[in-house]
Structure formats: structure tokens, C-alpha cells
Amino acid sequence: MPACGASKLSHGSAKARIAAHLSFYPACNIHLIDELDIADAPVREFHGAADDTTLAVTCLDYITRLNAAGKDAIMTEYPGAHHGFDNPDARLVSVTQSAQSSRNCQRREENGKILNVETGKPFTFNDACVELGSTVGYDKAATEAAQATVKKFLTGVFRLN
């Protein structure tokens, strides 16, 4: 029985499908079970090359593995752009020294838990791989380029030409 009296219809039509996957600067350093078994829809990932909060290199690895699995996956990197490059409220590039980052923690899902690959134990933000310091900042050029790319991509996906 659905929770809170919700009907099955409140979750959408069973005939609905995912049209596209769009992701901005995600954390890609967690290997999930069946992570390559995604809905058959194009994947577009956008990342600042200077992102020190969630590293672009781990996302490039995931995109490469998706492509090897036959998926249509493309990652776009913006030179000099930081985490949150599309957030106009972060007009000035700033470093938060106390912000925790798991950027250098390799993790994997196993038996319903997220493990630290190095220790084999459940991951926590007390693990040695967790570092302090995160840079965020708006990048007008990267934002405008990403917006144009997303607009063109979704125009094609939804055949809006």
C-alpha cells in the first residue's frame, strides 16, 4: 500500500520514460551497484575543471564507463570554473576552509552500505580521506555556455525545432 494514502498514479504514468539525464558537478567517486544500468536516455554532465569539491576526473571515468557500456554519455568541462559555477549568488570565488570534502575518498556500494574503498569499512566523514576546504564561485562564461548547451540538447531531445 502506498505511504500516506498516495495512489500509484501520484508517482507518474507507468508509460512515462526518462528523456535525459542532466547533471552539474556531481560527486562521481562512489561506485554503486548496477551504476551502468541506467534508463536508456542520453547523459550530459557539466563540470568546472577547477572544481576542488567534486573532482571532474572521477566523472570523466564514469562517463567513459557509460560509453563503454553503450550509453550516449558526454561530459563537458569548463576551464577555470569552480564548483557551483552556475550559481549567480556566488559572484565572488571563495574558499570555505571548514567545508568537508570527500573528493579524494573512493567509495563503493556493497550489501546496502557505502564503504571506503581504502579501509573496507563503512564510509564516514571522519575518514582520513576527508579533507577540509572547498572553492565555489560563479563563472559567467561557463554558465552561459552550459545554458546554451542544455537548451540546444533539450531542444533536440524534445524535438522542439
Protein backbone atom coordinates (compact mmCIF):
# COMPACT_ATOMS: atom_id res chain seq x y z
CA MET A 1 0.00 0.00 0.00
CA PRO A 2 1.39 3.45 -0.90
CA ALA A 3 2.57 5.60 2.02
CA CYS A 4 0.45 8.48 3.30
CA GLY A 5 -2.56 7.45 1.24
CA ALA A 6 -0.81 8.31 -2.05
CA SER A 7 -2.07 6.43 -5.05
CA LYS A 8 0.20 4.69 -7.52
CA LEU A 9 -0.76 7.40 -10.03
CA SER A 10 0.91 10.06 -7.88
CA HIS A 11 4.25 8.63 -8.97
CA GLY A 12 3.53 9.23 -12.64
CA SER A 13 2.31 7.17 -15.50
CA ALA A 14 3.77 3.71 -15.95
CA LYS A 15 4.19 4.70 -19.62
CA ALA A 16 6.41 7.68 -18.78
CA ARG A 17 10.10 7.44 -19.51
CA ILE A 18 13.19 9.40 -18.66
CA ALA A 19 14.05 11.64 -21.60
CA ALA A 20 17.52 12.71 -20.50
CA HIS A 21 19.97 12.72 -17.60
CA LEU A 22 21.47 16.16 -16.82
CA SER A 23 23.96 16.59 -14.02
CA PHE A 24 26.01 19.54 -12.82
CA TYR A 25 29.25 18.89 -10.89
CA PRO A 26 28.14 15.66 -9.16
CA ALA A 27 30.27 13.51 -6.88
CA CYS A 28 31.25 10.58 -9.09
CA ASN A 29 33.64 8.89 -6.67
CA ILE A 30 31.06 6.40 -5.38
CA HIS A 31 30.77 3.17 -7.36
CA LEU A 32 27.19 1.96 -6.99
CA ILE A 33 25.87 -1.50 -7.73
CA ASP A 34 24.39 -1.53 -11.25
CA GLU A 35 25.54 2.07 -11.82
CA LEU A 36 25.79 1.43 -15.55
CA ASP A 37 22.24 0.08 -15.72
CA ILE A 38 20.52 3.42 -16.22
CA ALA A 39 17.46 4.42 -18.22
CA ASP A 40 18.16 4.42 -21.94
CA ALA A 41 18.39 8.19 -22.35
CA PRO A 42 21.31 10.47 -23.19
CA VAL A 43 23.53 11.59 -20.31
CA ARG A 44 25.07 15.06 -20.19
CA GLU A 45 27.33 16.02 -17.31
CA PHE A 46 28.75 19.51 -16.74
CA HIS A 47 31.76 20.23 -14.56
CA GLY A 48 34.17 23.03 -13.75
CA ALA A 49 37.74 21.96 -14.49
CA ALA A 50 38.89 23.82 -11.35
CA ASP A 51 36.28 22.14 -9.12
CA ASP A 52 38.02 21.01 -5.93
CA THR A 53 34.81 19.97 -4.18
CA THR A 54 33.74 17.19 -6.54
CA LEU A 55 36.57 16.27 -8.89
CA ALA A 56 35.91 16.23 -12.63
CA VAL A 57 38.31 13.33 -13.22
CA THR A 58 36.07 10.85 -11.38
CA CYS A 59 33.10 11.92 -13.50
CA LEU A 60 35.12 11.53 -16.67
CA ASP A 61 35.85 7.96 -15.54
CA TYR A 62 32.13 7.29 -15.04
CA ILE A 63 31.23 8.84 -18.41
CA THR A 64 33.89 6.68 -20.07
CA ARG A 65 32.45 3.56 -18.43
CA LEU A 66 28.91 4.54 -19.50
CA ASN A 67 30.10 4.92 -23.09
CA ALA A 68 31.84 1.54 -22.95
CA ALA A 69 28.50 0.09 -21.82
CA GLY A 70 26.86 1.51 -24.95
CA LYS A 71 25.29 4.61 -23.41
CA ASP A 72 25.19 8.06 -25.01
CA ALA A 73 27.16 9.97 -22.38
CA ILE A 74 29.07 13.24 -22.76
CA MET A 75 30.88 15.31 -20.16
CA THR A 76 31.60 19.00 -20.71
CA GLU A 77 34.31 20.69 -18.65
CA TYR A 78 34.69 24.45 -18.31
CA PRO A 79 38.30 25.65 -17.87
CA GLY A 80 38.87 27.65 -14.70
CA ALA A 81 35.31 27.10 -13.44
CA HIS A 82 34.75 26.05 -9.83
CA HIS A 83 32.04 24.13 -8.01
CA GLY A 84 28.71 25.97 -8.29
CA PHE A 85 29.88 27.85 -11.39
CA ASP A 86 26.24 28.41 -12.40
CA ASN A 87 25.17 29.96 -9.08
CA PRO A 88 24.88 33.72 -9.53
CA ASP A 89 24.63 34.14 -5.74
CA ALA A 90 28.30 33.07 -5.53
CA ARG A 91 29.58 36.03 -7.57
CA LEU A 92 32.95 36.04 -5.83
CA VAL A 93 35.15 32.96 -5.81
CA SER A 94 35.53 31.95 -2.18
CA VAL A 95 37.23 29.19 -0.27
CA THR A 96 35.49 27.78 2.78
CA GLN A 97 38.31 26.29 4.84
CA SER A 98 35.95 24.44 7.20
CA ALA A 99 33.89 22.75 4.46
CA GLN A 100 34.39 19.00 4.40
CA SER A 101 35.06 17.36 1.06
CA SER A 102 35.15 13.68 0.23
CA ARG A 103 36.77 14.48 -3.14
CA ASN A 104 39.65 12.09 -2.54
CA CYS A 105 37.60 9.31 -0.96
CA GLN A 106 36.94 6.35 -3.20
CA ARG A 107 33.72 4.64 -2.14
CA ARG A 108 31.67 1.69 -3.29
CA GLU A 109 28.26 0.27 -2.52
CA GLU A 110 28.27 -3.19 -1.00
CA ASN A 111 25.42 -5.00 0.77
CA GLY A 112 23.40 -1.80 1.06
CA LYS A 113 26.26 0.20 2.60
CA ILE A 114 28.71 2.75 1.23
CA LEU A 115 32.23 1.58 2.03
CA ASN A 116 35.52 3.43 1.99
CA VAL A 117 37.48 1.51 -0.65
CA GLU A 118 40.78 2.11 1.19
CA THR A 119 39.63 0.77 4.57
CA GLY A 120 36.83 -1.59 3.51
CA LYS A 121 34.75 -0.11 6.34
CA PRO A 122 31.56 1.98 6.13
CA PHE A 123 32.40 5.48 4.94
CA THR A 124 32.07 8.35 7.43
CA PHE A 125 33.11 11.99 7.26
CA ASN A 126 35.65 11.15 9.96
CA ASP A 127 37.64 9.01 7.49
CA ALA A 128 41.24 10.02 6.81
CA CYS A 129 40.47 10.72 3.14
CA VAL A 130 38.05 13.54 4.04
CA GLU A 131 39.69 16.94 3.61
CA LEU A 132 38.81 20.49 4.55
CA GLY A 133 38.46 23.31 2.07
CA SER A 134 36.11 23.89 -0.84
CA THR A 135 36.19 26.54 -3.53
CA VAL A 136 32.96 27.82 -5.03
CA GLY A 137 32.30 30.65 -7.42
CA TYR A 138 30.12 31.88 -10.23
CA ASP A 139 31.59 31.84 -13.71
CA LYS A 140 29.54 33.84 -16.20
CA ALA A 141 31.17 32.40 -19.33
CA ALA A 142 30.80 28.80 -18.11
CA THR A 143 27.19 29.43 -17.05
CA GLU A 144 26.24 30.93 -20.41
CA ALA A 145 27.98 28.12 -22.30
CA ALA A 146 26.26 25.45 -20.17
CA GLN A 147 22.86 27.11 -20.58
CA ALA A 148 23.30 27.24 -24.35
CA THR A 149 24.40 23.60 -24.45
CA VAL A 150 21.48 22.44 -22.30
CA LYS A 151 19.00 24.46 -24.35
CA LYS A 152 20.29 23.01 -27.63
CA PHE A 153 20.40 19.49 -26.17
CA LEU A 154 16.85 19.58 -24.75
CA THR A 155 15.52 21.19 -27.93
CA GLY A 156 16.76 18.11 -29.75
CA VAL A 157 15.63 15.61 -27.11
CA PHE A 158 12.10 17.02 -27.12
CA ARG A 159 12.14 17.73 -30.87
CA LEU A 160 11.28 21.38 -30.42
CA ASN A 161 12.87 22.59 -33.67
